Amino acid sequence: MLIYYSHHSLDIGHMIVSSIVHGLIYGIIFKAFHNLSFPMVMIISVIVIAAIYWFFKRR
């Protein structure tokens, strides 16, 4: 039996899963940074972005 999936139904499914995953990630980040001061959040953000940049630049 051949089941036909349209391209749009896969896009919608991907969009829903992506939204859920991003929501979970943002929730974790919000909870982690909730009690920190703004300068501390900025310092951590710069360090994380620099570490990600360094990791991908090495490859």
PDB file of N, CA and C in Angstrom:
ATOM      1  N   MET A   1       0.851  -1.175   0.000  1.00  0.00           N
ATOM      2  CA  MET A   1       0.000   0.000   0.000  1.00  0.00           C
ATOM      3  C   MET A   1       0.895   1.236   0.000  1.00  0.00           C
ATOM      4  N   LEU A   2       0.629   2.128  -0.909  1.00  0.00           N
ATOM      5  CA  LEU A   2       1.406   3.355  -1.037  1.00  0.00           C
ATOM      6  C   LEU A   2       0.691   4.484  -0.302  1.00  0.00           C
ATOM      7  N   ILE A   3       1.405   5.119   0.607  1.00  0.00           N
ATOM      8  CA  ILE A   3       0.834   6.245   1.348  1.00  0.00           C
ATOM      9  C   ILE A   3       1.477   7.515   0.810  1.00  0.00           C
ATOM     10  N   TYR A   4       0.664   8.480   0.453  1.00  0.00           N
ATOM     11  CA  TYR A   4       1.153   9.727  -0.121  1.00  0.00           C
ATOM     12  C   TYR A   4       1.212  10.797   0.964  1.00  0.00           C
ATOM     13  N   TYR A   5       2.370  11.393   1.137  1.00  0.00           N
ATOM     14  CA  TYR A   5       2.536  12.515   2.049  1.00  0.00           C
ATOM     15  C   TYR A   5       2.852  13.751   1.230  1.00  0.00           C
ATOM     16  N   SER A   6       2.065  14.764   1.404  1.00  0.00           N
ATOM     17  CA  SER A   6       2.352  15.982   0.661  1.00  0.00           C
ATOM     18  C   SER A   6       3.518  16.711   1.310  1.00  0.00           C
ATOM     19  N   HIS A   7       4.186  17.492   0.529  1.00  0.00           N
ATOM     20  CA  HIS A   7       5.323  18.278   1.019  1.00  0.00           C
ATOM     21  C   HIS A   7       4.875  19.233   2.123  1.00  0.00           C
ATOM     22  N   HIS A   8       3.667  19.765   2.006  1.00  0.00           N
ATOM     23  CA  HIS A   8       3.191  20.740   2.984  1.00  0.00           C
ATOM     24  C   HIS A   8       2.898  20.099   4.330  1.00  0.00           C
ATOM     25  N   SER A   9       2.407  18.857   4.341  1.00  0.00           N
ATOM     26  CA  SER A   9       2.118  18.222   5.620  1.00  0.00           C
ATOM     27  C   SER A   9       3.418  17.948   6.381  1.00  0.00           C
ATOM     28  N   LEU A  10       4.487  17.631   5.671  1.00  0.00           N
ATOM     29  CA  LEU A  10       5.776  17.434   6.335  1.00  0.00           C
ATOM     30  C   LEU A  10       6.315  18.758   6.869  1.00  0.00           C
ATOM     31  N   ASP A  11       6.117  19.849   6.133  1.00  0.00           N
ATOM     32  CA  ASP A  11       6.549  21.162   6.599  1.00  0.00           C
ATOM     33  C   ASP A  11       5.809  21.571   7.861  1.00  0.00           C
ATOM     34  N   ILE A  12       4.522  21.304   7.912  1.00  0.00           N
ATOM     35  CA  ILE A  12       3.727  21.658   9.089  1.00  0.00           C
ATOM     36  C   ILE A  12       4.159  20.821  10.285  1.00  0.00           C
ATOM     37  N   GLY A  13       4.399  19.528  10.072  1.00  0.00           N
ATOM     38  CA  GLY A  13       4.867  18.673  11.161  1.00  0.00           C
ATOM     39  C   GLY A  13       6.218  19.125  11.682  1.00  0.00           C
ATOM     40  N   HIS A  14       7.101  19.484  10.778  1.00  0.00           N
ATOM     41  CA  HIS A  14       8.422  19.975  11.182  1.00  0.00           C
ATOM     42  C   HIS A  14       8.289  21.278  11.958  1.00  0.00           C
ATOM     43  N   MET A  15       7.400  22.150  11.523  1.00  0.00           N
ATOM     44  CA  MET A  15       7.189  23.425  12.198  1.00  0.00           C
ATOM     45  C   MET A  15       6.669  23.208  13.622  1.00  0.00           C
ATOM     46  N   ILE A  16       5.756  22.260  13.800  1.00  0.00           N
ATOM     47  CA  ILE A  16       5.196  21.992  15.127  1.00  0.00           C
ATOM     48  C   ILE A  16       6.265  21.424  16.049  1.00  0.00           C
ATOM     49  N   VAL A  17       7.012  20.434  15.575  1.00  0.00           N
ATOM     50  CA  VAL A  17       8.073  19.834  16.400  1.00  0.00           C
ATOM     51  C   VAL A  17       9.138  20.867  16.723  1.00  0.00           C
ATOM     52  N   SER A  18       9.519  21.668  15.740  1.00  0.00           N
ATOM     53  CA  SER A  18      10.526  22.706  15.948  1.00  0.00           C
ATOM     54  C   SER A  18      10.062  23.719  16.991  1.00  0.00           C
ATOM     55  N   SER A  19       8.807  24.100  16.941  1.00  0.00           N
ATOM     56  CA  SER A  19       8.266  25.054  17.910  1.00  0.00           C
ATOM     57  C   SER A  19       8.303  24.490  19.329  1.00  0.00           C
ATOM     58  N   ILE A  20       7.968  23.228  19.470  1.00  0.00           N
ATOM     59  CA  ILE A  20       7.987  22.598  20.793  1.00  0.00           C
ATOM     60  C   ILE A  20       9.413  22.539  21.329  1.00  0.00           C
ATOM     61  N   VAL A  21      10.354  22.113  20.495  1.00  0.00           N
ATOM     62  CA  VAL A  21      11.756  22.018  20.927  1.00  0.00           C
ATOM     63  C   VAL A  21      12.296  23.393  21.301  1.00  0.00           C
ATOM     64  N   HIS A  22      12.032  24.400  20.471  1.00  0.00           N
ATOM     65  CA  HIS A  22      12.512  25.743  20.781  1.00  0.00           C
ATOM     66  C   HIS A  22      11.874  26.272  22.066  1.00  0.00           C
ATOM     67  N   GLY A  23      10.611  26.000  22.265  1.00  0.00           N
ATOM     68  CA  GLY A  23       9.954  26.423  23.494  1.00  0.00           C
ATOM     69  C   GLY A  23      10.589  25.796  24.724  1.00  0.00           C
ATOM     70  N   LEU A  24      10.922  24.511  24.638  1.00  0.00           N
ATOM     71  CA  LEU A  24      11.590  23.842  25.764  1.00  0.00           C
ATOM     72  C   LEU A  24      12.969  24.441  26.026  1.00  0.00           C
ATOM     73  N   ILE A  25      13.717  24.694  24.947  1.00  0.00           N
ATOM     74  CA  ILE A  25      15.056  25.273  25.108  1.00  0.00           C
ATOM     75  C   ILE A  25      14.968  26.671  25.722  1.00  0.00           C
ATOM     76  N   TYR A  26      14.057  27.511  25.216  1.00  0.00           N
ATOM     77  CA  TYR A  26      13.916  28.860  25.763  1.00  0.00           C
ATOM     78  C   TYR A  26      13.439  28.811  27.210  1.00  0.00           C
ATOM     79  N   GLY A  27      12.600  27.852  27.555  1.00  0.00           N
ATOM     80  CA  GLY A  27      12.163  27.703  28.941  1.00  0.00           C
ATOM     81  C   GLY A  27      13.315  27.371  29.870  1.00  0.00           C
ATOM     82  N   ILE A  28      14.193  26.489  29.425  1.00  0.00           N
ATOM     83  CA  ILE A  28      15.368  26.133  30.227  1.00  0.00           C
ATOM     84  C   ILE A  28      16.282  27.338  30.397  1.00  0.00           C
ATOM     85  N   ILE A  29      16.517  28.066  29.299  1.00  0.00           N
ATOM     86  CA  ILE A  29      17.377  29.254  29.366  1.00  0.00           C
ATOM     87  C   ILE A  29      16.758  30.295  30.302  1.00  0.00           C
ATOM     88  N   PHE A  30      15.461  30.519  30.193  1.00  0.00           N
ATOM     89  CA  PHE A  30      14.790  31.503  31.054  1.00  0.00           C
ATOM     90  C   PHE A  30      14.922  31.124  32.521  1.00  0.00           C
ATOM     91  N   LYS A  31      14.705  29.847  32.838  1.00  0.00           N
ATOM     92  CA  LYS A  31      14.813  29.416  34.232  1.00  0.00           C
ATOM     93  C   LYS A  31      16.244  29.536  34.746  1.00  0.00           C
ATOM     94  N   ALA A  32      17.231  29.262  33.879  1.00  0.00           N
ATOM     95  CA  ALA A  32      18.626  29.348  34.297  1.00  0.00           C
ATOM     96  C   ALA A  32      19.049  30.795  34.547  1.00  0.00           C
ATOM     97  N   PHE A  33      18.528  31.728  33.742  1.00  0.00           N
ATOM     98  CA  PHE A  33      18.946  33.133  33.843  1.00  0.00           C
ATOM     99  C   PHE A  33      18.008  33.987  34.690  1.00  0.00           C
ATOM    100  N   HIS A  34      16.934  33.419  35.188  1.00  0.00           N
ATOM    101  CA  HIS A  34      15.896  34.188  35.862  1.00  0.00           C
ATOM    102  C   HIS A  34      16.419  34.971  37.061  1.00  0.00           C
ATOM    103  N   ASN A  35      17.268  34.376  37.871  1.00  0.00           N
ATOM    104  CA  ASN A  35      17.731  35.041  39.092  1.00  0.00           C
ATOM    105  C   ASN A  35      19.066  35.755  38.929  1.00  0.00           C
ATOM    106  N   LEU A  36      19.597  35.803  37.711  1.00  0.00           N
ATOM    107  CA  LEU A  36      20.879  36.466  37.483  1.00  0.00           C
ATOM    108  C   LEU A  36      20.666  37.924  37.078  1.00  0.00           C
ATOM    109  N   SER A  37      21.670  38.739  37.359  1.00  0.00           N
ATOM    110  CA  SER A  37      21.594  40.140  36.954  1.00  0.00           C
ATOM    111  C   SER A  37      21.846  40.258  35.446  1.00  0.00           C
ATOM    112  N   PHE A  38      21.455  41.385  34.872  1.00  0.00           N
ATOM    113  CA  PHE A  38      21.608  41.585  33.433  1.00  0.00           C
ATOM    114  C   PHE A  38      23.076  41.525  32.996  1.00  0.00           C
ATOM    115  N   PRO A  39      24.001  42.181  33.710  1.00  0.00           N
ATOM    116  CA  PRO A  39      25.415  42.068  33.284  1.00  0.00           C
ATOM    117  C   PRO A  39      25.933  40.620  33.308  1.00  0.00           C
ATOM    118  N   MET A  40      25.509  39.831  34.284  1.00  0.00           N
ATOM    119  CA  MET A  40      25.931  38.436  34.356  1.00  0.00           C
ATOM    120  C   MET A  40      25.375  37.634  33.181  1.00  0.00           C
ATOM    121  N   VAL A  41      24.134  37.888  32.808  1.00  0.00           N
ATOM    122  CA  VAL A  41      23.529  37.218  31.661  1.00  0.00           C
ATOM    123  C   VAL A  41      24.288  37.585  30.385  1.00  0.00           C
ATOM    124  N   MET A  42      24.663  38.852  30.248  1.00  0.00           N
ATOM    125  CA  MET A  42      25.412  39.289  29.070  1.00  0.00           C
ATOM    126  C   MET A  42      26.788  38.624  29.008  1.00  0.00           C
ATOM    127  N   ILE A  43      27.477  38.536  30.132  1.00  0.00           N
ATOM    128  CA  ILE A  43      28.797  37.895  30.171  1.00  0.00           C
ATOM    129  C   ILE A  43      28.683  36.418  29.782  1.00  0.00           C
ATOM    130  N   ILE A  44      27.726  35.719  30.358  1.00  0.00           N
ATOM    131  CA  ILE A  44      27.533  34.300  30.040  1.00  0.00           C
ATOM    132  C   ILE A  44      27.182  34.130  28.567  1.00  0.00           C
ATOM    133  N   SER A  45      26.316  35.004  28.050  1.00  0.00           N
ATOM    134  CA  SER A  45      25.916  34.916  26.643  1.00  0.00           C
ATOM    135  C   SER A  45      27.096  35.106  25.705  1.00  0.00           C
ATOM    136  N   VAL A  46      27.947  36.089  25.994  1.00  0.00           N
ATOM    137  CA  VAL A  46      29.118  36.341  25.151  1.00  0.00           C
ATOM    138  C   VAL A  46      30.070  35.148  25.198  1.00  0.00           C
ATOM    139  N   ILE A  47      30.271  34.577  26.366  1.00  0.00           N
ATOM    140  CA  ILE A  47      31.165  33.420  26.498  1.00  0.00           C
ATOM    141  C   ILE A  47      30.617  32.222  25.718  1.00  0.00           C
ATOM    142  N   VAL A  48      29.325  31.965  25.828  1.00  0.00           N
ATOM    143  CA  VAL A  48      28.724  30.831  25.122  1.00  0.00           C
ATOM    144  C   VAL A  48      28.788  31.035  23.608  1.00  0.00           C
ATOM    145  N   ILE A  49      28.472  32.237  23.141  1.00  0.00           N
ATOM    146  CA  ILE A  49      28.534  32.510  21.703  1.00  0.00           C
ATOM    147  C   ILE A  49      29.966  32.379  21.193  1.00  0.00           C
ATOM    148  N   ALA A  50      30.947  32.879  21.954  1.00  0.00           N
ATOM    149  CA  ALA A  50      32.349  32.758  21.558  1.00  0.00           C
ATOM    150  C   ALA A  50      32.784  31.290  21.523  1.00  0.00           C
ATOM    151  N   ALA A  51      32.338  30.499  22.490  1.00  0.00           N
ATOM    152  CA  ALA A  51      32.691  29.083  22.525  1.00  0.00           C
ATOM    153  C   ALA A  51      32.089  28.334  21.330  1.00  0.00           C
ATOM    154  N   ILE A  52      30.851  28.640  20.989  1.00  0.00           N
ATOM    155  CA  ILE A  52      30.212  28.002  19.831  1.00  0.00           C
ATOM    156  C   ILE A  52      30.931  28.413  18.549  1.00  0.00           C
ATOM    157  N   TYR A  53      31.250  29.694  18.424  1.00  0.00           N
ATOM    158  CA  TYR A  53      31.977  30.180  17.248  1.00  0.00           C
ATOM    159  C   TYR A  53      33.327  29.486  17.131  1.00  0.00           C
ATOM    160  N   TRP A  54      34.063  29.399  18.242  1.00  0.00           N
ATOM    161  CA  TRP A  54      35.381  28.763  18.236  1.00  0.00           C
ATOM    162  C   TRP A  54      35.278  27.287  17.848  1.00  0.00           C
ATOM    163  N   PHE A  55      34.256  26.604  18.390  1.00  0.00           N
ATOM    164  CA  PHE A  55      34.070  25.181  18.091  1.00  0.00           C
ATOM    165  C   PHE A  55      33.839  24.944  16.602  1.00  0.00           C
ATOM    166  N   PHE A  56      32.962  25.748  15.995  1.00  0.00           N
ATOM    167  CA  PHE A  56      32.651  25.537  14.584  1.00  0.00           C
ATOM    168  C   PHE A  56      33.741  26.072  13.653  1.00  0.00           C
ATOM    169  N   LYS A  57      34.504  27.060  14.114  1.00  0.00           N
ATOM    170  CA  LYS A  57      35.583  27.582  13.280  1.00  0.00           C
ATOM    171  C   LYS A  57      36.747  26.574  13.193  1.00  0.00           C
ATOM    172  N   ARG A  58      36.950  25.787  14.232  1.00  0.00           N
ATOM    173  CA  ARG A  58      38.019  24.780  14.259  1.00  0.00           C
ATOM    174  C   ARG A  58      37.801  23.693  13.220  1.00  0.00           C
ATOM    175  N   ARG A  59      36.576  23.383  12.910  1.00  0.00           N
ATOM    176  CA  ARG A  59      36.260  22.246  12.047  1.00  0.00           C
ATOM    177  C   ARG A  59      36.690  22.478  10.658  1.00  0.00           C
TER     178      ARG A  59
END
